[in-house]
Amino acid sequence: MSHFLKSVLRTYSRLLLFAGGLLLGIQVPSFIDQYEKRVDAHYQEVSANISGFQSTAQLLFDGDLEALISYYQSSNDEVFKRDAGSIRIIADRFNRISAERVALAGNLLNVAFHVLLRPDREIFDETISQYSYTVPLNSLAVQWGLALAVFLIISIDLCWFGCVKCVGLLGGRHRKHRSKIVS
């Protein structure tokens, strides 16, 4: 393959990677926004579900929901015992989603890493399955797109450079070693 053709292919492949990184990066703020909206919707739902039990706990157990659950579990009434498990599920879900809301209250970079590395799996999967792709033309989306595209190109260039250098060093050592053996 001619040097010119290799150069053209390398240039166009880098442009395609840059464009792909740009388009992917533009989606980051939109995905985070949709994820946050889902977290808020689930929080409102679970807050409504737990509010009656929380009111009872406030009135009879000084606000201690765990005491209410323990009371239900230790009851002689089978209905109360079964309801204790349901209340536990609602309380655990409320705590989990509340913690997720706190994690999403930071700056955008921390939020992005949280959503990427430690999201609430149920909400993350739901967001992915119902994600609507957008091309927002605001400064935040463009910044994310450019940053991801540049990072991708620099990473690939550095990896390529490192591989070429390693092959060059190993090839040079191999030639020196062979010339010593032949001599």
C-alpha atoms as a PDB file:
ATOM      1  CA  MET A   1       0.000   0.000   0.000  1.00  0.00           C
ATOM      2  CA  SER A   2       1.420   3.367  -0.913  1.00  0.00           C
ATOM      3  CA  HIS A   3       2.480   5.852   1.722  1.00  0.00           C
ATOM      4  CA  PHE A   4      -0.086   8.370   0.431  1.00  0.00           C
ATOM      5  CA  LEU A   5      -2.969   5.897   0.738  1.00  0.00           C
ATOM      6  CA  LYS A   6      -1.907   4.923   4.271  1.00  0.00           C
ATOM      7  CA  SER A   7      -1.731   8.588   5.224  1.00  0.00           C
ATOM      8  CA  VAL A   8      -5.201   9.294   3.808  1.00  0.00           C
ATOM      9  CA  LEU A   9      -6.708   6.252   5.548  1.00  0.00           C
ATOM     10  CA  ARG A  10      -5.109   7.228   8.847  1.00  0.00           C
ATOM     11  CA  THR A  11      -6.352  10.816   8.526  1.00  0.00           C
ATOM     12  CA  TYR A  12      -9.910   9.784   7.677  1.00  0.00           C
ATOM     13  CA  SER A  13     -10.023   7.159  10.417  1.00  0.00           C
ATOM     14  CA  ARG A  14      -8.916   9.803  12.921  1.00  0.00           C
ATOM     15  CA  LEU A  15     -11.637  12.148  11.615  1.00  0.00           C
ATOM     16  CA  LEU A  16     -14.253   9.396  11.959  1.00  0.00           C
ATOM     17  CA  LEU A  17     -13.109   8.673  15.517  1.00  0.00           C
ATOM     18  CA  PHE A  18     -13.216  12.373  16.324  1.00  0.00           C
ATOM     19  CA  ALA A  19     -16.730  12.723  14.881  1.00  0.00           C
ATOM     20  CA  GLY A  20     -17.897   9.615  16.749  1.00  0.00           C
ATOM     21  CA  GLY A  21     -16.408  10.913  19.984  1.00  0.00           C
ATOM     22  CA  LEU A  22     -18.047  14.290  19.396  1.00  0.00           C
ATOM     23  CA  LEU A  23     -21.477  12.752  18.816  1.00  0.00           C
ATOM     24  CA  LEU A  24     -21.101  10.457  21.818  1.00  0.00           C
ATOM     25  CA  GLY A  25     -19.897  13.296  24.034  1.00  0.00           C
ATOM     26  CA  ILE A  26     -22.832  15.489  23.043  1.00  0.00           C
ATOM     27  CA  GLN A  27     -25.147  12.788  24.444  1.00  0.00           C
ATOM     28  CA  VAL A  28     -23.569  12.864  27.933  1.00  0.00           C
ATOM     29  CA  PRO A  29     -25.450  15.907  29.352  1.00  0.00           C
ATOM     30  CA  SER A  30     -28.713  14.713  27.802  1.00  0.00           C
ATOM     31  CA  PHE A  31     -28.331  11.200  29.238  1.00  0.00           C
ATOM     32  CA  ILE A  32     -27.494  12.603  32.680  1.00  0.00           C
ATOM     33  CA  ASP A  33     -30.529  14.901  32.481  1.00  0.00           C
ATOM     34  CA  GLN A  34     -32.838  12.003  31.594  1.00  0.00           C
ATOM     35  CA  TYR A  35     -31.287   9.859  34.349  1.00  0.00           C
ATOM     36  CA  GLU A  36     -31.814  12.647  36.917  1.00  0.00           C
ATOM     37  CA  LYS A  37     -35.441  13.066  35.828  1.00  0.00           C
ATOM     38  CA  ARG A  38     -36.040   9.340  36.312  1.00  0.00           C
ATOM     39  CA  VAL A  39     -34.447   9.464  39.759  1.00  0.00           C
ATOM     40  CA  ASP A  40     -36.715  12.390  40.676  1.00  0.00           C
ATOM     41  CA  ALA A  41     -39.811  10.597  39.351  1.00  0.00           C
ATOM     42  CA  HIS A  42     -38.985   7.446  41.326  1.00  0.00           C
ATOM     43  CA  TYR A  43     -38.274   9.570  44.399  1.00  0.00           C
ATOM     44  CA  GLN A  44     -41.682  11.247  44.177  1.00  0.00           C
ATOM     45  CA  GLU A  45     -43.359   7.863  43.768  1.00  0.00           C
ATOM     46  CA  VAL A  46     -41.574   6.193  46.684  1.00  0.00           C
ATOM     47  CA  SER A  47     -42.065   9.292  48.862  1.00  0.00           C
ATOM     48  CA  ALA A  48     -45.812   9.034  48.306  1.00  0.00           C
ATOM     49  CA  ASN A  49     -45.678   5.306  49.099  1.00  0.00           C
ATOM     50  CA  ILE A  50     -43.820   5.754  52.363  1.00  0.00           C
ATOM     51  CA  SER A  51     -45.548   8.924  53.580  1.00  0.00           C
ATOM     52  CA  GLY A  52     -48.412   7.150  55.353  1.00  0.00           C
ATOM     53  CA  PHE A  53     -46.060   4.810  57.196  1.00  0.00           C
ATOM     54  CA  GLN A  54     -43.744   7.704  58.027  1.00  0.00           C
ATOM     55  CA  SER A  55     -46.712   9.624  59.479  1.00  0.00           C
ATOM     56  CA  THR A  56     -47.636   6.645  61.651  1.00  0.00           C
ATOM     57  CA  ALA A  57     -44.016   6.275  62.769  1.00  0.00           C
ATOM     58  CA  GLN A  58     -43.885   9.998  63.554  1.00  0.00           C
ATOM     59  CA  LEU A  59     -47.069   9.825  65.594  1.00  0.00           C
ATOM     60  CA  LEU A  60     -46.457   6.596  67.509  1.00  0.00           C
ATOM     61  CA  PHE A  61     -42.697   5.884  67.402  1.00  0.00           C
ATOM     62  CA  ASP A  62     -41.054   9.332  67.529  1.00  0.00           C
ATOM     63  CA  GLY A  63     -40.446   9.203  63.777  1.00  0.00           C
ATOM     64  CA  ASP A  64     -38.550   5.894  63.894  1.00  0.00           C
ATOM     65  CA  LEU A  65     -39.682   3.892  60.881  1.00  0.00           C
ATOM     66  CA  GLU A  66     -37.525   0.949  61.975  1.00  0.00           C
ATOM     67  CA  ALA A  67     -39.497   0.798  65.235  1.00  0.00           C
ATOM     68  CA  LEU A  68     -42.742   0.693  63.250  1.00  0.00           C
ATOM     69  CA  ILE A  69     -41.399  -2.150  61.102  1.00  0.00           C
ATOM     70  CA  SER A  70     -40.249  -4.040  64.212  1.00  0.00           C
ATOM     71  CA  TYR A  71     -43.674  -3.544  65.773  1.00  0.00           C
ATOM     72  CA  TYR A  72     -45.343  -4.959  62.670  1.00  0.00           C
ATOM     73  CA  GLN A  73     -42.923  -7.920  62.589  1.00  0.00           C
ATOM     74  CA  SER A  74     -43.503  -8.803  66.242  1.00  0.00           C
ATOM     75  CA  SER A  75     -47.281  -8.517  65.983  1.00  0.00           C
ATOM     76  CA  ASN A  76     -49.454 -11.585  66.490  1.00  0.00           C
ATOM     77  CA  ASP A  77     -51.550 -10.529  63.522  1.00  0.00           C
ATOM     78  CA  GLU A  78     -50.395 -12.304  60.322  1.00  0.00           C
ATOM     79  CA  VAL A  79     -51.439  -9.323  58.184  1.00  0.00           C
ATOM     80  CA  PHE A  80     -49.138  -7.000  60.147  1.00  0.00           C
ATOM     81  CA  LYS A  81     -46.258  -9.483  59.881  1.00  0.00           C
ATOM     82  CA  ARG A  82     -46.642  -9.646  56.101  1.00  0.00           C
ATOM     83  CA  ASP A  83     -46.970  -5.875  55.833  1.00  0.00           C
ATOM     84  CA  ALA A  84     -43.677  -5.475  57.695  1.00  0.00           C
ATOM     85  CA  GLY A  85     -41.878  -6.964  54.680  1.00  0.00           C
ATOM     86  CA  SER A  86     -43.688  -4.617  52.308  1.00  0.00           C
ATOM     87  CA  ILE A  87     -42.847  -1.599  54.433  1.00  0.00           C
ATOM     88  CA  ARG A  88     -39.208  -2.757  54.573  1.00  0.00           C
ATOM     89  CA  ILE A  89     -39.068  -2.912  50.767  1.00  0.00           C
ATOM     90  CA  ILE A  90     -40.541   0.585  50.465  1.00  0.00           C
ATOM     91  CA  ALA A  91     -38.195   1.982  53.137  1.00  0.00           C
ATOM     92  CA  ASP A  92     -35.126   0.407  51.510  1.00  0.00           C
ATOM     93  CA  ARG A  93     -36.150   1.771  48.125  1.00  0.00           C
ATOM     94  CA  PHE A  94     -36.729   5.220  49.625  1.00  0.00           C
ATOM     95  CA  ASN A  95     -33.270   5.176  51.221  1.00  0.00           C
ATOM     96  CA  ARG A  96     -31.617   3.950  48.017  1.00  0.00           C
ATOM     97  CA  ILE A  97     -33.243   6.591  45.824  1.00  0.00           C
ATOM     98  CA  SER A  98     -32.609   9.319  48.415  1.00  0.00           C
ATOM     99  CA  ALA A  99     -28.916   8.404  48.379  1.00  0.00           C
ATOM    100  CA  GLU A 100     -28.955   8.553  44.580  1.00  0.00           C
ATOM    101  CA  ARG A 101     -30.425  12.065  44.694  1.00  0.00           C
ATOM    102  CA  VAL A 102     -27.630  13.157  47.024  1.00  0.00           C
ATOM    103  CA  ALA A 103     -25.028  11.677  44.662  1.00  0.00           C
ATOM    104  CA  LEU A 104     -26.529  13.632  41.761  1.00  0.00           C
ATOM    105  CA  ALA A 105     -26.309  16.948  43.609  1.00  0.00           C
ATOM    106  CA  GLY A 106     -22.597  17.505  42.876  1.00  0.00           C
ATOM    107  CA  ASN A 107     -20.854  19.148  39.945  1.00  0.00           C
ATOM    108  CA  LEU A 108     -21.417  17.756  36.467  1.00  0.00           C
ATOM    109  CA  LEU A 109     -18.098  15.907  36.228  1.00  0.00           C
ATOM    110  CA  ASN A 110     -18.677  14.063  39.527  1.00  0.00           C
ATOM    111  CA  VAL A 111     -22.253  13.329  38.503  1.00  0.00           C
ATOM    112  CA  ALA A 112     -21.066  11.969  35.132  1.00  0.00           C
ATOM    113  CA  PHE A 113     -18.558   9.649  36.806  1.00  0.00           C
ATOM    114  CA  HIS A 114     -21.222   8.548  39.295  1.00  0.00           C
ATOM    115  CA  VAL A 115     -23.715   7.769  36.525  1.00  0.00           C
ATOM    116  CA  LEU A 116     -21.018   5.923  34.574  1.00  0.00           C
ATOM    117  CA  LEU A 117     -19.437   3.954  37.439  1.00  0.00           C
ATOM    118  CA  ARG A 118     -21.927   3.665  40.332  1.00  0.00           C
ATOM    119  CA  PRO A 119     -25.475   4.349  39.136  1.00  0.00           C
ATOM    120  CA  ASP A 120     -28.614   2.871  40.571  1.00  0.00           C
ATOM    121  CA  ARG A 121     -28.703  -0.134  38.248  1.00  0.00           C
ATOM    122  CA  GLU A 122     -32.509  -0.303  37.967  1.00  0.00           C
ATOM    123  CA  ILE A 123     -32.841   3.365  37.011  1.00  0.00           C
ATOM    124  CA  PHE A 124     -29.761   3.269  34.758  1.00  0.00           C
ATOM    125  CA  ASP A 125     -31.109   0.294  32.790  1.00  0.00           C
ATOM    126  CA  GLU A 126     -34.502   1.970  32.552  1.00  0.00           C
ATOM    127  CA  THR A 127     -32.890   5.181  31.265  1.00  0.00           C
ATOM    128  CA  ILE A 128     -30.873   3.293  28.648  1.00  0.00           C
ATOM    129  CA  SER A 129     -33.868   1.306  27.417  1.00  0.00           C
ATOM    130  CA  GLN A 130     -36.031   4.425  27.082  1.00  0.00           C
ATOM    131  CA  TYR A 131     -33.330   6.945  26.170  1.00  0.00           C
ATOM    132  CA  SER A 132     -34.277   9.396  23.451  1.00  0.00           C
ATOM    133  CA  TYR A 133     -31.249  10.532  21.491  1.00  0.00           C
ATOM    134  CA  THR A 134     -30.983  14.263  21.109  1.00  0.00           C
ATOM    135  CA  VAL A 135     -28.514  16.658  19.606  1.00  0.00           C
ATOM    136  CA  PRO A 136     -28.670  19.580  22.000  1.00  0.00           C
ATOM    137  CA  LEU A 137     -26.878  22.628  20.713  1.00  0.00           C
ATOM    138  CA  ASN A 138     -26.007  24.211  23.988  1.00  0.00           C
ATOM    139  CA  SER A 139     -22.541  25.053  25.215  1.00  0.00           C
ATOM    140  CA  LEU A 140     -22.458  22.245  27.767  1.00  0.00           C
ATOM    141  CA  ALA A 141     -23.178  19.552  25.180  1.00  0.00           C
ATOM    142  CA  VAL A 142     -20.620  20.993  22.768  1.00  0.00           C
ATOM    143  CA  GLN A 143     -17.995  21.140  25.546  1.00  0.00           C
ATOM    144  CA  TRP A 144     -18.634  17.517  26.490  1.00  0.00           C
ATOM    145  CA  GLY A 145     -18.552  16.478  22.851  1.00  0.00           C
ATOM    146  CA  LEU A 146     -15.285  18.245  22.100  1.00  0.00           C
ATOM    147  CA  ALA A 147     -13.681  17.043  25.328  1.00  0.00           C
ATOM    148  CA  LEU A 148     -14.578  13.417  24.657  1.00  0.00           C
ATOM    149  CA  ALA A 149     -13.517  13.623  21.010  1.00  0.00           C
ATOM    150  CA  VAL A 150     -10.145  15.193  21.850  1.00  0.00           C
ATOM    151  CA  PHE A 151      -9.587  12.726  24.697  1.00  0.00           C
ATOM    152  CA  LEU A 152     -10.377   9.811  22.396  1.00  0.00           C
ATOM    153  CA  ILE A 153      -8.022  10.998  19.649  1.00  0.00           C
ATOM    154  CA  ILE A 154      -5.187  11.779  22.079  1.00  0.00           C
ATOM    155  CA  SER A 155      -5.602   8.404  23.801  1.00  0.00           C
ATOM    156  CA  ILE A 156      -5.518   6.495  20.534  1.00  0.00           C
ATOM    157  CA  ASP A 157      -2.549   8.522  19.254  1.00  0.00           C
ATOM    158  CA  LEU A 158      -0.620   7.918  22.476  1.00  0.00           C
ATOM    159  CA  CYS A 159      -1.380   4.198  22.383  1.00  0.00           C
ATOM    160  CA  TRP A 160      -0.321   4.018  18.738  1.00  0.00           C
ATOM    161  CA  PHE A 161       2.852   5.997  19.464  1.00  0.00           C
ATOM    162  CA  GLY A 162       3.638   3.718  22.430  1.00  0.00           C
ATOM    163  CA  CYS A 163       3.122   0.577  20.355  1.00  0.00           C
ATOM    164  CA  VAL A 164       5.318   1.890  17.539  1.00  0.00           C
ATOM    165  CA  LYS A 165       8.055   2.831  20.022  1.00  0.00           C
ATOM    166  CA  CYS A 166       7.895  -0.580  21.740  1.00  0.00           C
ATOM    167  CA  VAL A 167       8.078  -2.412  18.424  1.00  0.00           C
ATOM    168  CA  GLY A 168      10.958  -0.159  17.388  1.00  0.00           C
ATOM    169  CA  LEU A 169      12.851  -0.793  20.613  1.00  0.00           C
ATOM    170  CA  LEU A 170      12.243  -4.531  20.497  1.00  0.00           C
ATOM    171  CA  GLY A 171      13.136  -4.675  16.823  1.00  0.00           C
ATOM    172  CA  GLY A 172      16.353  -2.734  17.462  1.00  0.00           C
ATOM    173  CA  ARG A 173      17.366  -5.046  20.307  1.00  0.00           C
ATOM    174  CA  HIS A 174      16.583  -8.090  18.204  1.00  0.00           C
ATOM    175  CA  ARG A 175      18.794  -6.824  15.351  1.00  0.00           C
ATOM    176  CA  LYS A 176      21.652  -6.004  17.758  1.00  0.00           C
ATOM    177  CA  HIS A 177      21.344  -9.445  19.361  1.00  0.00           C
ATOM    178  CA  ARG A 178      21.396 -11.194  15.954  1.00  0.00           C
ATOM    179  CA  SER A 179      24.410  -9.188  14.796  1.00  0.00           C
ATOM    180  CA  LYS A 180      26.334 -10.259  17.923  1.00  0.00           C
ATOM    181  CA  ILE A 181      25.474 -13.912  17.269  1.00  0.00           C
ATOM    182  CA  VAL A 182      26.528 -13.715  13.595  1.00  0.00           C
ATOM    183  CA  SER A 183      29.857 -11.999  14.431  1.00  0.00           C
END
